[in-house]
Amino acid sequence: MKTIGKTYEVKYTGYLMNSENMFLHYGYDNWSDVSEKKMRKLKSCYKIEVTVPAETTELNFCFRAGENEWDNNSGNNWNWIPSKPESYEYVEIADATKTASATKAKATTKASASKAKTATKCAAKTKK
């Protein structure tokens, strides 16, 4: 049994971007434990989080849209090694805990700015 490992955020911007639905088709260490998860569509990409078991040495994956449209990296699939991360042209993989922290920090900053703006408006109204 595989133990819980690290969660990564996978973003896809390849040639299937205009598809209505996108799925991450993935497995570990030469395609064992194959799974498929529906990705979330954003304006600029499709995105999903996937947890890679601790003892995994390689994440194998490709993308499926619709019934039978595949982006399998020109027949090579993607083979990503967590200990030696590399970048790809249409795929971005990042530590989900870091991206979540950055998003939370951005939201907190936005909320603080909004509160400050409201406080300034309230103070201006009170002075009249």
C-alpha atoms as a PDB file:
ATOM      1  CA  MET A   1       0.000   0.000   0.000  1.00  0.00           C
ATOM      2  CA  LYS A   2       1.304   3.433  -0.953  1.00  0.00           C
ATOM      3  CA  THR A   3       1.653   6.049   1.742  1.00  0.00           C
ATOM      4  CA  ILE A   4       0.418   9.603   1.383  1.00  0.00           C
ATOM      5  CA  GLY A   5       2.991  11.808  -0.240  1.00  0.00           C
ATOM      6  CA  LYS A   6       2.952  15.306  -1.628  1.00  0.00           C
ATOM      7  CA  THR A   7       0.176  17.095  -3.484  1.00  0.00           C
ATOM      8  CA  TYR A   8       0.971  18.844  -6.747  1.00  0.00           C
ATOM      9  CA  GLU A   9      -1.026  21.203  -8.915  1.00  0.00           C
ATOM     10  CA  VAL A  10      -1.021  20.253 -12.597  1.00  0.00           C
ATOM     11  CA  LYS A  11      -1.933  22.902 -15.184  1.00  0.00           C
ATOM     12  CA  TYR A  12      -2.521  22.157 -18.858  1.00  0.00           C
ATOM     13  CA  THR A  13      -2.488  24.698 -21.732  1.00  0.00           C
ATOM     14  CA  GLY A  14      -2.004  22.391 -24.717  1.00  0.00           C
ATOM     15  CA  TYR A  15      -3.864  22.056 -28.002  1.00  0.00           C
ATOM     16  CA  LEU A  16      -6.979  20.551 -26.369  1.00  0.00           C
ATOM     17  CA  MET A  17      -7.615  23.756 -24.349  1.00  0.00           C
ATOM     18  CA  ASN A  18     -10.841  24.533 -26.225  1.00  0.00           C
ATOM     19  CA  SER A  19     -12.392  21.225 -25.172  1.00  0.00           C
ATOM     20  CA  GLU A  20     -15.435  21.322 -22.930  1.00  0.00           C
ATOM     21  CA  ASN A  21     -14.035  18.698 -20.531  1.00  0.00           C
ATOM     22  CA  MET A  22     -10.498  17.611 -19.694  1.00  0.00           C
ATOM     23  CA  PHE A  23      -9.223  14.673 -17.680  1.00  0.00           C
ATOM     24  CA  LEU A  24      -5.812  13.924 -16.244  1.00  0.00           C
ATOM     25  CA  HIS A  25      -5.042  10.266 -16.988  1.00  0.00           C
ATOM     26  CA  TYR A  26      -2.181   9.210 -14.718  1.00  0.00           C
ATOM     27  CA  GLY A  27      -0.283   6.457 -12.957  1.00  0.00           C
ATOM     28  CA  TYR A  28       2.942   5.992 -11.039  1.00  0.00           C
ATOM     29  CA  ASP A  29       6.264   4.320 -11.760  1.00  0.00           C
ATOM     30  CA  ASN A  30       5.636   2.981 -15.265  1.00  0.00           C
ATOM     31  CA  TRP A  31       1.841   3.365 -15.180  1.00  0.00           C
ATOM     32  CA  SER A  32       0.897   1.387 -12.047  1.00  0.00           C
ATOM     33  CA  ASP A  33      -2.281   2.381 -10.157  1.00  0.00           C
ATOM     34  CA  VAL A  34      -3.790   4.153 -13.194  1.00  0.00           C
ATOM     35  CA  SER A  35      -6.502   6.712 -12.430  1.00  0.00           C
ATOM     36  CA  GLU A  36      -8.331   9.479 -14.209  1.00  0.00           C
ATOM     37  CA  LYS A  37      -9.663  12.718 -12.709  1.00  0.00           C
ATOM     38  CA  LYS A  38     -11.675  15.530 -14.238  1.00  0.00           C
ATOM     39  CA  MET A  39      -9.803  18.804 -14.371  1.00  0.00           C
ATOM     40  CA  ARG A  40     -11.206  22.252 -13.569  1.00  0.00           C
ATOM     41  CA  LYS A  41     -11.371  24.739 -16.426  1.00  0.00           C
ATOM     42  CA  LEU A  42     -10.061  28.222 -15.757  1.00  0.00           C
ATOM     43  CA  LYS A  43      -9.696  31.102 -18.229  1.00  0.00           C
ATOM     44  CA  SER A  44      -6.035  30.376 -18.921  1.00  0.00           C
ATOM     45  CA  CYS A  45      -5.720  26.624 -18.320  1.00  0.00           C
ATOM     46  CA  TYR A  46      -7.164  23.380 -17.026  1.00  0.00           C
ATOM     47  CA  LYS A  47      -6.054  22.633 -13.470  1.00  0.00           C
ATOM     48  CA  ILE A  48      -6.124  19.753 -10.980  1.00  0.00           C
ATOM     49  CA  GLU A  49      -4.390  18.672  -7.797  1.00  0.00           C
ATOM     50  CA  VAL A  50      -2.959  15.174  -7.573  1.00  0.00           C
ATOM     51  CA  THR A  51      -1.310  13.530  -4.570  1.00  0.00           C
ATOM     52  CA  VAL A  52       1.784  11.554  -5.422  1.00  0.00           C
ATOM     53  CA  PRO A  53       2.510   8.729  -2.942  1.00  0.00           C
ATOM     54  CA  ALA A  54       5.726   9.189  -0.935  1.00  0.00           C
ATOM     55  CA  GLU A  55       7.590   6.223  -2.407  1.00  0.00           C
ATOM     56  CA  THR A  56       6.752   7.184  -6.006  1.00  0.00           C
ATOM     57  CA  THR A  57       9.743   7.890  -8.203  1.00  0.00           C
ATOM     58  CA  GLU A  58       7.799   8.971 -11.308  1.00  0.00           C
ATOM     59  CA  LEU A  59       4.383  10.375 -12.199  1.00  0.00           C
ATOM     60  CA  ASN A  60       3.224   9.205 -15.646  1.00  0.00           C
ATOM     61  CA  PHE A  61       0.392  11.143 -17.266  1.00  0.00           C
ATOM     62  CA  CYS A  62      -1.410  12.380 -20.354  1.00  0.00           C
ATOM     63  CA  PHE A  63      -4.646  14.296 -20.991  1.00  0.00           C
ATOM     64  CA  ARG A  64      -8.001  13.217 -22.373  1.00  0.00           C
ATOM     65  CA  ALA A  65     -10.738  15.478 -23.702  1.00  0.00           C
ATOM     66  CA  GLY A  66     -14.151  14.317 -24.826  1.00  0.00           C
ATOM     67  CA  GLU A  67     -14.621  10.704 -25.752  1.00  0.00           C
ATOM     68  CA  ASN A  68     -11.394   9.891 -27.515  1.00  0.00           C
ATOM     69  CA  GLU A  69      -9.209  12.980 -27.931  1.00  0.00           C
ATOM     70  CA  TRP A  70      -5.820  12.573 -26.293  1.00  0.00           C
ATOM     71  CA  ASP A  71      -2.764  14.729 -25.755  1.00  0.00           C
ATOM     72  CA  ASN A  72      -0.085  12.180 -24.957  1.00  0.00           C
ATOM     73  CA  ASN A  73       2.968  14.335 -25.675  1.00  0.00           C
ATOM     74  CA  SER A  74       3.326  13.027 -29.238  1.00  0.00           C
ATOM     75  CA  GLY A  75       3.100   9.420 -28.074  1.00  0.00           C
ATOM     76  CA  ASN A  76       5.693   9.845 -25.311  1.00  0.00           C
ATOM     77  CA  ASN A  77       3.313  10.693 -22.446  1.00  0.00           C
ATOM     78  CA  TRP A  78       4.737  12.847 -19.678  1.00  0.00           C
ATOM     79  CA  ASN A  79       7.011  11.218 -17.135  1.00  0.00           C
ATOM     80  CA  TRP A  80       7.651  13.638 -14.291  1.00  0.00           C
ATOM     81  CA  ILE A  81      10.095  12.857 -11.487  1.00  0.00           C
ATOM     82  CA  PRO A  82       9.213  14.717  -8.254  1.00  0.00           C
ATOM     83  CA  SER A  83      12.827  14.645  -7.013  1.00  0.00           C
ATOM     84  CA  LYS A  84      14.066  16.178 -10.301  1.00  0.00           C
ATOM     85  CA  PRO A  85      11.236  18.445 -11.488  1.00  0.00           C
ATOM     86  CA  GLU A  86      11.447  19.668 -15.053  1.00  0.00           C
ATOM     87  CA  SER A  87       9.324  22.059 -17.042  1.00  0.00           C
ATOM     88  CA  TYR A  88       7.283  21.367 -20.154  1.00  0.00           C
ATOM     89  CA  GLU A  89       5.898  23.604 -22.877  1.00  0.00           C
ATOM     90  CA  TYR A  90       2.160  23.065 -22.184  1.00  0.00           C
ATOM     91  CA  VAL A  91       2.219  21.561 -18.694  1.00  0.00           C
ATOM     92  CA  GLU A  92       3.084  23.202 -15.404  1.00  0.00           C
ATOM     93  CA  ILE A  93       3.512  21.225 -12.183  1.00  0.00           C
ATOM     94  CA  ALA A  94       3.953  22.961  -8.839  1.00  0.00           C
ATOM     95  CA  ASP A  95       3.854  22.053  -5.164  1.00  0.00           C
ATOM     96  CA  ALA A  96       0.176  22.584  -4.222  1.00  0.00           C
ATOM     97  CA  THR A  97       1.024  23.708  -0.681  1.00  0.00           C
ATOM     98  CA  LYS A  98       3.142  26.556  -2.082  1.00  0.00           C
ATOM     99  CA  THR A  99       0.501  27.618  -4.620  1.00  0.00           C
ATOM    100  CA  ALA A 100      -2.218  27.454  -1.932  1.00  0.00           C
ATOM    101  CA  SER A 101      -0.111  29.643   0.386  1.00  0.00           C
ATOM    102  CA  ALA A 102       0.496  32.162  -2.383  1.00  0.00           C
ATOM    103  CA  THR A 103      -3.228  32.273  -3.248  1.00  0.00           C
ATOM    104  CA  LYS A 104      -4.158  32.694   0.427  1.00  0.00           C
ATOM    105  CA  ALA A 105      -1.604  35.497   0.850  1.00  0.00           C
ATOM    106  CA  LYS A 106      -2.933  37.247  -2.262  1.00  0.00           C
ATOM    107  CA  ALA A 107      -6.542  36.964  -0.974  1.00  0.00           C
ATOM    108  CA  THR A 108      -5.520  38.299   2.466  1.00  0.00           C
ATOM    109  CA  THR A 109      -3.733  41.252   0.872  1.00  0.00           C
ATOM    110  CA  LYS A 110      -6.765  41.968  -1.316  1.00  0.00           C
ATOM    111  CA  ALA A 111      -9.114  41.781   1.702  1.00  0.00           C
ATOM    112  CA  SER A 112      -6.854  44.115   3.731  1.00  0.00           C
ATOM    113  CA  ALA A 113      -6.750  46.619   0.868  1.00  0.00           C
ATOM    114  CA  SER A 114     -10.534  46.471   0.551  1.00  0.00           C
ATOM    115  CA  LYS A 115     -10.984  47.058   4.321  1.00  0.00           C
ATOM    116  CA  ALA A 116      -8.564  50.000   4.196  1.00  0.00           C
ATOM    117  CA  LYS A 117     -10.449  51.497   1.242  1.00  0.00           C
ATOM    118  CA  THR A 118     -13.780  51.115   3.069  1.00  0.00           C
ATOM    119  CA  ALA A 119     -12.333  52.629   6.247  1.00  0.00           C
ATOM    120  CA  THR A 120     -11.038  55.615   4.241  1.00  0.00           C
ATOM    121  CA  LYS A 121     -14.460  56.117   2.626  1.00  0.00           C
ATOM    122  CA  CYS A 122     -16.188  55.890   6.019  1.00  0.00           C
ATOM    123  CA  ALA A 123     -13.743  58.385   7.540  1.00  0.00           C
ATOM    124  CA  ALA A 124     -14.307  60.790   4.646  1.00  0.00           C
ATOM    125  CA  LYS A 125     -18.090  60.573   5.102  1.00  0.00           C
ATOM    126  CA  THR A 126     -17.804  61.234   8.849  1.00  0.00           C
ATOM    127  CA  LYS A 127     -15.792  64.418   8.308  1.00  0.00           C
ATOM    128  CA  LYS A 128     -18.587  66.077   6.275  1.00  0.00           C
END
